[in-house]
Amino acid sequence: MAFAFLARWYGIEHITLLSPLGRDECVCLLQQAVQSDRAWFGKRKAAVGRVNATSLRIRKTVGWRDSTSWQPRLSGSIKEVRAGTRFDCRLGVTWGTVASLHAILLLVW
């Protein structure tokens, strides 16, 4: 119960997305749209992260001088269902960011 309250307070949302496309097609389209975290050269895409057959972790691409620690991330699982594909996702900052914020606030207080 307290965990759900903290998650809502920090803007962490749980989202379920349904697609009529098959899992393999969804994964292929996502992999084409998402650049690898470790890609240093080449044309930059709008999103960075990883996508495989069962899970995804994506964040928006930012410039090299911008901080990525405070930006929201989308992570979740990919499952094949009868009607297509279901994405069970979590959208929000990482728990490490939340813990860092608490530590900073405690030090200041």
C-alpha atoms as a PDB file:
ATOM      1  CA  MET A   1       0.000   0.000   0.000  1.00  0.00           C
ATOM      2  CA  ALA A   2       2.763   2.471   0.929  1.00  0.00           C
ATOM      3  CA  PHE A   3       4.739   1.416  -2.140  1.00  0.00           C
ATOM      4  CA  ALA A   4       1.790   2.270  -4.409  1.00  0.00           C
ATOM      5  CA  PHE A   5       1.466   5.686  -2.750  1.00  0.00           C
ATOM      6  CA  LEU A   6       5.180   6.441  -3.267  1.00  0.00           C
ATOM      7  CA  ALA A   7       5.015   5.250  -6.860  1.00  0.00           C
ATOM      8  CA  ARG A   8       2.107   7.605  -7.598  1.00  0.00           C
ATOM      9  CA  TRP A   9       3.820  10.453  -5.723  1.00  0.00           C
ATOM     10  CA  TYR A  10       6.938  10.102  -7.877  1.00  0.00           C
ATOM     11  CA  GLY A  11       4.887   9.874 -11.057  1.00  0.00           C
ATOM     12  CA  ILE A  12       5.555   6.193 -11.699  1.00  0.00           C
ATOM     13  CA  GLU A  13       2.765   4.687 -13.750  1.00  0.00           C
ATOM     14  CA  HIS A  14       1.969   1.117 -14.698  1.00  0.00           C
ATOM     15  CA  ILE A  15       0.583   0.876 -18.211  1.00  0.00           C
ATOM     16  CA  THR A  16      -0.777  -2.008 -20.276  1.00  0.00           C
ATOM     17  CA  LEU A  17      -0.703  -1.593 -24.052  1.00  0.00           C
ATOM     18  CA  LEU A  18      -2.358  -3.958 -26.525  1.00  0.00           C
ATOM     19  CA  SER A  19      -1.358  -4.258 -30.168  1.00  0.00           C
ATOM     20  CA  PRO A  20      -3.169  -6.231 -32.872  1.00  0.00           C
ATOM     21  CA  LEU A  21       0.236  -7.074 -34.406  1.00  0.00           C
ATOM     22  CA  GLY A  22       2.087 -10.271 -33.578  1.00  0.00           C
ATOM     23  CA  ARG A  23       4.918 -10.236 -31.049  1.00  0.00           C
ATOM     24  CA  ASP A  24       7.655 -10.810 -33.622  1.00  0.00           C
ATOM     25  CA  GLU A  25       6.417  -7.920 -35.764  1.00  0.00           C
ATOM     26  CA  CYS A  26       6.154  -5.601 -32.725  1.00  0.00           C
ATOM     27  CA  VAL A  27       9.667  -6.487 -31.592  1.00  0.00           C
ATOM     28  CA  CYS A  28      11.051  -5.941 -35.098  1.00  0.00           C
ATOM     29  CA  LEU A  29       9.410  -2.510 -35.421  1.00  0.00           C
ATOM     30  CA  LEU A  30      10.593  -1.443 -31.972  1.00  0.00           C
ATOM     31  CA  GLN A  31      14.155  -2.612 -32.633  1.00  0.00           C
ATOM     32  CA  GLN A  32      14.211  -0.532 -35.814  1.00  0.00           C
ATOM     33  CA  ALA A  33      13.038   2.568 -33.899  1.00  0.00           C
ATOM     34  CA  VAL A  34      15.288   2.203 -30.828  1.00  0.00           C
ATOM     35  CA  GLN A  35      19.037   2.796 -30.887  1.00  0.00           C
ATOM     36  CA  SER A  36      21.289   0.640 -28.719  1.00  0.00           C
ATOM     37  CA  ASP A  37      22.633   2.146 -25.483  1.00  0.00           C
ATOM     38  CA  ARG A  38      26.126   1.320 -26.638  1.00  0.00           C
ATOM     39  CA  ALA A  39      25.943   2.898 -30.111  1.00  0.00           C
ATOM     40  CA  TRP A  40      28.363   5.828 -30.165  1.00  0.00           C
ATOM     41  CA  PHE A  41      28.385   6.559 -33.885  1.00  0.00           C
ATOM     42  CA  GLY A  42      25.850   6.706 -36.667  1.00  0.00           C
ATOM     43  CA  LYS A  43      22.533   8.437 -37.073  1.00  0.00           C
ATOM     44  CA  ARG A  44      20.811   9.118 -33.757  1.00  0.00           C
ATOM     45  CA  LYS A  45      17.289   7.850 -33.255  1.00  0.00           C
ATOM     46  CA  ALA A  46      14.571   9.382 -31.068  1.00  0.00           C
ATOM     47  CA  ALA A  47      14.818   6.603 -28.463  1.00  0.00           C
ATOM     48  CA  VAL A  48      17.698   4.725 -26.823  1.00  0.00           C
ATOM     49  CA  GLY A  49      17.567   1.404 -25.026  1.00  0.00           C
ATOM     50  CA  ARG A  50      17.107  -2.275 -25.687  1.00  0.00           C
ATOM     51  CA  VAL A  51      14.312  -4.413 -27.044  1.00  0.00           C
ATOM     52  CA  ASN A  52      14.295  -8.208 -27.149  1.00  0.00           C
ATOM     53  CA  ALA A  53      11.613 -10.849 -27.614  1.00  0.00           C
ATOM     54  CA  THR A  54      10.387 -10.714 -24.003  1.00  0.00           C
ATOM     55  CA  SER A  55      11.240  -7.270 -22.596  1.00  0.00           C
ATOM     56  CA  LEU A  56      12.038  -3.661 -23.368  1.00  0.00           C
ATOM     57  CA  ARG A  57      13.776  -0.715 -21.715  1.00  0.00           C
ATOM     58  CA  ILE A  58      13.542   2.613 -23.543  1.00  0.00           C
ATOM     59  CA  ARG A  59      14.293   6.271 -22.849  1.00  0.00           C
ATOM     60  CA  LYS A  60      14.316   9.393 -24.976  1.00  0.00           C
ATOM     61  CA  THR A  61      17.573  10.369 -26.676  1.00  0.00           C
ATOM     62  CA  VAL A  62      19.114  13.486 -25.125  1.00  0.00           C
ATOM     63  CA  GLY A  63      22.169  15.556 -26.004  1.00  0.00           C
ATOM     64  CA  TRP A  64      25.554  14.656 -24.574  1.00  0.00           C
ATOM     65  CA  ARG A  65      25.465  17.587 -22.109  1.00  0.00           C
ATOM     66  CA  ASP A  66      22.026  16.769 -20.738  1.00  0.00           C
ATOM     67  CA  SER A  67      21.531  14.537 -17.725  1.00  0.00           C
ATOM     68  CA  THR A  68      19.659  11.281 -18.270  1.00  0.00           C
ATOM     69  CA  SER A  69      19.259  10.396 -14.597  1.00  0.00           C
ATOM     70  CA  TRP A  70      16.077  12.443 -14.093  1.00  0.00           C
ATOM     71  CA  GLN A  71      14.340  11.511 -17.311  1.00  0.00           C
ATOM     72  CA  PRO A  72      11.517   8.956 -17.317  1.00  0.00           C
ATOM     73  CA  ARG A  73      12.117   5.485 -18.695  1.00  0.00           C
ATOM     74  CA  LEU A  74       9.734   2.925 -20.104  1.00  0.00           C
ATOM     75  CA  SER A  75      10.460  -0.666 -19.124  1.00  0.00           C
ATOM     76  CA  GLY A  76       8.328  -3.746 -19.295  1.00  0.00           C
ATOM     77  CA  SER A  77       7.535  -7.159 -20.647  1.00  0.00           C
ATOM     78  CA  ILE A  78       6.265  -8.253 -24.048  1.00  0.00           C
ATOM     79  CA  LYS A  79       3.791 -11.130 -24.175  1.00  0.00           C
ATOM     80  CA  GLU A  80       1.971 -12.832 -27.013  1.00  0.00           C
ATOM     81  CA  VAL A  81      -1.797 -12.972 -26.456  1.00  0.00           C
ATOM     82  CA  ARG A  82      -4.610 -14.316 -28.601  1.00  0.00           C
ATOM     83  CA  ALA A  83      -5.532 -10.849 -29.927  1.00  0.00           C
ATOM     84  CA  GLY A  84      -1.914  -9.817 -30.688  1.00  0.00           C
ATOM     85  CA  THR A  85       0.715  -8.538 -28.274  1.00  0.00           C
ATOM     86  CA  ARG A  86       0.458  -7.167 -24.731  1.00  0.00           C
ATOM     87  CA  PHE A  87       3.010  -4.778 -23.244  1.00  0.00           C
ATOM     88  CA  ASP A  88       2.993  -4.567 -19.428  1.00  0.00           C
ATOM     89  CA  CYS A  89       5.054  -1.446 -18.756  1.00  0.00           C
ATOM     90  CA  ARG A  90       6.315   0.822 -16.007  1.00  0.00           C
ATOM     91  CA  LEU A  91       6.878   4.489 -16.844  1.00  0.00           C
ATOM     92  CA  GLY A  92       8.862   6.756 -14.530  1.00  0.00           C
ATOM     93  CA  VAL A  93      12.269   7.574 -13.107  1.00  0.00           C
ATOM     94  CA  THR A  94      14.452   4.752 -11.809  1.00  0.00           C
ATOM     95  CA  TRP A  95      14.371   3.774  -8.140  1.00  0.00           C
ATOM     96  CA  GLY A  96      18.032   4.741  -7.907  1.00  0.00           C
ATOM     97  CA  THR A  97      17.057   8.297  -8.822  1.00  0.00           C
ATOM     98  CA  VAL A  98      14.330   8.254  -6.172  1.00  0.00           C
ATOM     99  CA  ALA A  99      16.795   7.013  -3.540  1.00  0.00           C
ATOM    100  CA  SER A 100      19.319   9.701  -4.539  1.00  0.00           C
ATOM    101  CA  LEU A 101      16.668  12.392  -4.187  1.00  0.00           C
ATOM    102  CA  HIS A 102      15.807  11.148  -0.693  1.00  0.00           C
ATOM    103  CA  ALA A 103      19.472  11.111   0.329  1.00  0.00           C
ATOM    104  CA  ILE A 104      19.983  14.679  -0.911  1.00  0.00           C
ATOM    105  CA  LEU A 105      16.862  15.889   0.886  1.00  0.00           C
ATOM    106  CA  LEU A 106      17.952  14.221   4.132  1.00  0.00           C
ATOM    107  CA  LEU A 107      21.406  15.793   3.926  1.00  0.00           C
ATOM    108  CA  VAL A 108      19.945  19.255   3.303  1.00  0.00           C
ATOM    109  CA  TRP A 109      17.335  18.910   6.000  1.00  0.00           C
END
